[in-house]
């Protein structure tokens, strides 16, 4: 079996593996940048539901559930970095795209909210 056969047979698995690898690498990069982002006045937003946030959260984060984000842009300054997190990094990825589409330049997805504790 050559590489082309393997790729054709397992491409969905390889694509999923690449996606998870990218999410892991990207969030590690944001965790490493977090002290500098905080020093620059970053706003840390947890986009999980109110119930999820109430059960556990990181100090210094504010809760703006993803479904409310579009109506609460006024609470988020555009002049400082914005770091978003959630339970797995999926909702925060959506939040990052929403913020970028609405004029926020300096937006980072940290992935899971627990990484705010780093």
C-alpha atoms as a PDB file:
ATOM      1  CA  UNK A   1       0.000   0.000   0.000  1.00  0.00           C
ATOM      2  CA  UNK A   2       1.539   3.329  -1.047  1.00  0.00           C
ATOM      3  CA  UNK A   3       1.002   6.811   0.370  1.00  0.00           C
ATOM      4  CA  UNK A   4      -1.779   7.689  -2.085  1.00  0.00           C
ATOM      5  CA  UNK A   5      -3.775   4.588  -1.109  1.00  0.00           C
ATOM      6  CA  UNK A   6      -3.320   5.342   2.580  1.00  0.00           C
ATOM      7  CA  UNK A   7      -4.344   8.964   2.054  1.00  0.00           C
ATOM      8  CA  UNK A   8      -7.446   8.046   0.061  1.00  0.00           C
ATOM      9  CA  UNK A   9      -8.506   5.503   2.636  1.00  0.00           C
ATOM     10  CA  UNK A  10      -7.797   7.533   5.770  1.00  0.00           C
ATOM     11  CA  UNK A  11      -8.129  11.178   4.669  1.00  0.00           C
ATOM     12  CA  UNK A  12     -11.054  11.957   7.020  1.00  0.00           C
ATOM     13  CA  UNK A  13      -9.051  10.717   9.999  1.00  0.00           C
ATOM     14  CA  UNK A  14      -5.952  12.604   8.835  1.00  0.00           C
ATOM     15  CA  UNK A  15      -7.974  15.800   8.362  1.00  0.00           C
ATOM     16  CA  UNK A  16      -9.439  15.469  11.852  1.00  0.00           C
ATOM     17  CA  UNK A  17      -5.991  14.824  13.291  1.00  0.00           C
ATOM     18  CA  UNK A  18      -4.634  17.914  11.517  1.00  0.00           C
ATOM     19  CA  UNK A  19      -7.516  20.039  12.848  1.00  0.00           C
ATOM     20  CA  UNK A  20      -6.941  18.899  16.447  1.00  0.00           C
ATOM     21  CA  UNK A  21      -3.220  19.452  16.023  1.00  0.00           C
ATOM     22  CA  UNK A  22      -3.808  22.985  14.812  1.00  0.00           C
ATOM     23  CA  UNK A  23      -6.173  23.732  17.738  1.00  0.00           C
ATOM     24  CA  UNK A  24      -3.606  22.374  20.210  1.00  0.00           C
ATOM     25  CA  UNK A  25      -0.710  24.334  18.685  1.00  0.00           C
ATOM     26  CA  UNK A  26      -2.735  27.530  18.398  1.00  0.00           C
ATOM     27  CA  UNK A  27      -3.957  27.468  22.004  1.00  0.00           C
ATOM     28  CA  UNK A  28      -0.432  26.735  23.306  1.00  0.00           C
ATOM     29  CA  UNK A  29       0.762  29.824  21.462  1.00  0.00           C
ATOM     30  CA  UNK A  30      -1.963  31.957  23.092  1.00  0.00           C
ATOM     31  CA  UNK A  31      -1.170  30.537  26.556  1.00  0.00           C
ATOM     32  CA  UNK A  32       2.466  31.554  26.067  1.00  0.00           C
ATOM     33  CA  UNK A  33       1.352  35.063  25.051  1.00  0.00           C
ATOM     34  CA  UNK A  34      -1.164  35.422  27.911  1.00  0.00           C
ATOM     35  CA  UNK A  35       1.107  37.273  30.399  1.00  0.00           C
ATOM     36  CA  UNK A  36       1.987  39.868  27.759  1.00  0.00           C
ATOM     37  CA  UNK A  37      -1.639  40.161  26.621  1.00  0.00           C
ATOM     38  CA  UNK A  38      -2.741  40.725  30.241  1.00  0.00           C
ATOM     39  CA  UNK A  39      -0.009  43.339  30.656  1.00  0.00           C
ATOM     40  CA  UNK A  40      -1.482  45.104  27.614  1.00  0.00           C
ATOM     41  CA  UNK A  41      -4.925  45.202  29.245  1.00  0.00           C
ATOM     42  CA  UNK A  42      -6.503  42.215  27.508  1.00  0.00           C
ATOM     43  CA  UNK A  43     -10.160  41.444  28.129  1.00  0.00           C
ATOM     44  CA  UNK A  44     -10.623  37.748  28.976  1.00  0.00           C
ATOM     45  CA  UNK A  45     -14.012  36.458  27.848  1.00  0.00           C
ATOM     46  CA  UNK A  46     -15.503  33.069  28.666  1.00  0.00           C
ATOM     47  CA  UNK A  47     -18.231  32.333  26.112  1.00  0.00           C
ATOM     48  CA  UNK A  48     -19.690  29.308  27.910  1.00  0.00           C
ATOM     49  CA  UNK A  49     -23.271  29.394  29.191  1.00  0.00           C
ATOM     50  CA  UNK A  50     -24.119  31.194  32.425  1.00  0.00           C
ATOM     51  CA  UNK A  51     -24.568  27.834  34.178  1.00  0.00           C
ATOM     52  CA  UNK A  52     -21.206  26.502  32.992  1.00  0.00           C
ATOM     53  CA  UNK A  53     -19.484  29.716  34.068  1.00  0.00           C
ATOM     54  CA  UNK A  54     -21.206  29.653  37.488  1.00  0.00           C
ATOM     55  CA  UNK A  55     -20.013  26.120  38.171  1.00  0.00           C
ATOM     56  CA  UNK A  56     -16.347  26.982  37.516  1.00  0.00           C
ATOM     57  CA  UNK A  57     -14.435  29.875  36.003  1.00  0.00           C
ATOM     58  CA  UNK A  58     -11.026  31.509  35.921  1.00  0.00           C
ATOM     59  CA  UNK A  59     -10.365  34.679  37.929  1.00  0.00           C
ATOM     60  CA  UNK A  60     -10.419  37.816  35.812  1.00  0.00           C
ATOM     61  CA  UNK A  61     -12.660  36.406  33.094  1.00  0.00           C
ATOM     62  CA  UNK A  62     -16.028  37.844  32.196  1.00  0.00           C
ATOM     63  CA  UNK A  63     -18.896  35.702  31.011  1.00  0.00           C
ATOM     64  CA  UNK A  64     -20.539  36.620  27.739  1.00  0.00           C
ATOM     65  CA  UNK A  65     -22.279  33.493  26.446  1.00  0.00           C
ATOM     66  CA  UNK A  66     -21.760  32.957  22.716  1.00  0.00           C
ATOM     67  CA  UNK A  67     -25.455  33.439  21.937  1.00  0.00           C
ATOM     68  CA  UNK A  68     -25.335  36.901  23.621  1.00  0.00           C
ATOM     69  CA  UNK A  69     -22.049  38.051  22.118  1.00  0.00           C
ATOM     70  CA  UNK A  70     -23.559  39.853  19.124  1.00  0.00           C
ATOM     71  CA  UNK A  71     -25.732  42.034  21.341  1.00  0.00           C
ATOM     72  CA  UNK A  72     -22.939  42.817  23.825  1.00  0.00           C
ATOM     73  CA  UNK A  73     -20.137  44.135  21.603  1.00  0.00           C
ATOM     74  CA  UNK A  74     -20.448  47.532  23.324  1.00  0.00           C
ATOM     75  CA  UNK A  75     -19.054  45.946  26.509  1.00  0.00           C
ATOM     76  CA  UNK A  76     -15.843  44.913  24.752  1.00  0.00           C
ATOM     77  CA  UNK A  77     -13.320  47.626  23.889  1.00  0.00           C
ATOM     78  CA  UNK A  78     -11.674  47.426  20.478  1.00  0.00           C
ATOM     79  CA  UNK A  79      -8.527  49.156  21.736  1.00  0.00           C
ATOM     80  CA  UNK A  80      -7.174  46.214  23.767  1.00  0.00           C
ATOM     81  CA  UNK A  81      -6.518  42.546  23.017  1.00  0.00           C
ATOM     82  CA  UNK A  82      -9.458  40.166  23.480  1.00  0.00           C
ATOM     83  CA  UNK A  83      -8.892  36.548  24.539  1.00  0.00           C
ATOM     84  CA  UNK A  84     -11.823  34.136  24.293  1.00  0.00           C
ATOM     85  CA  UNK A  85     -12.238  30.676  25.777  1.00  0.00           C
ATOM     86  CA  UNK A  86     -14.957  28.077  26.341  1.00  0.00           C
ATOM     87  CA  UNK A  87     -15.210  24.392  27.268  1.00  0.00           C
ATOM     88  CA  UNK A  88     -13.317  22.971  24.280  1.00  0.00           C
ATOM     89  CA  UNK A  89     -12.279  25.840  22.010  1.00  0.00           C
ATOM     90  CA  UNK A  90     -15.085  25.403  19.493  1.00  0.00           C
ATOM     91  CA  UNK A  91     -17.464  28.112  20.730  1.00  0.00           C
ATOM     92  CA  UNK A  92     -14.536  30.439  21.389  1.00  0.00           C
ATOM     93  CA  UNK A  93     -13.429  29.844  17.786  1.00  0.00           C
ATOM     94  CA  UNK A  94     -16.860  31.024  16.650  1.00  0.00           C
ATOM     95  CA  UNK A  95     -16.618  33.991  19.027  1.00  0.00           C
ATOM     96  CA  UNK A  96     -13.225  34.930  17.591  1.00  0.00           C
ATOM     97  CA  UNK A  97     -14.659  34.920  14.056  1.00  0.00           C
ATOM     98  CA  UNK A  98     -17.635  37.054  15.176  1.00  0.00           C
ATOM     99  CA  UNK A  99     -15.369  39.579  16.856  1.00  0.00           C
ATOM    100  CA  UNK A 100     -13.021  39.765  13.859  1.00  0.00           C
ATOM    101  CA  UNK A 101     -16.000  40.303  11.508  1.00  0.00           C
ATOM    102  CA  UNK A 102     -17.122  43.181  13.711  1.00  0.00           C
ATOM    103  CA  UNK A 103     -13.882  45.134  13.658  1.00  0.00           C
ATOM    104  CA  UNK A 104     -11.883  43.657  16.530  1.00  0.00           C
ATOM    105  CA  UNK A 105      -8.286  43.359  15.366  1.00  0.00           C
ATOM    106  CA  UNK A 106      -6.470  41.743  18.293  1.00  0.00           C
ATOM    107  CA  UNK A 107      -8.493  38.579  19.090  1.00  0.00           C
ATOM    108  CA  UNK A 108      -7.127  35.262  20.377  1.00  0.00           C
ATOM    109  CA  UNK A 109      -8.751  31.889  21.045  1.00  0.00           C
ATOM    110  CA  UNK A 110      -7.161  30.254  24.088  1.00  0.00           C
ATOM    111  CA  UNK A 111      -9.286  27.118  23.738  1.00  0.00           C
ATOM    112  CA  UNK A 112     -10.558  25.684  26.994  1.00  0.00           C
ATOM    113  CA  UNK A 113     -11.280  28.156  29.791  1.00  0.00           C
ATOM    114  CA  UNK A 114      -8.925  26.259  32.117  1.00  0.00           C
ATOM    115  CA  UNK A 115      -6.010  27.630  30.113  1.00  0.00           C
ATOM    116  CA  UNK A 116      -6.820  31.079  31.483  1.00  0.00           C
ATOM    117  CA  UNK A 117      -5.457  29.679  34.765  1.00  0.00           C
ATOM    118  CA  UNK A 118      -1.984  29.151  33.240  1.00  0.00           C
END
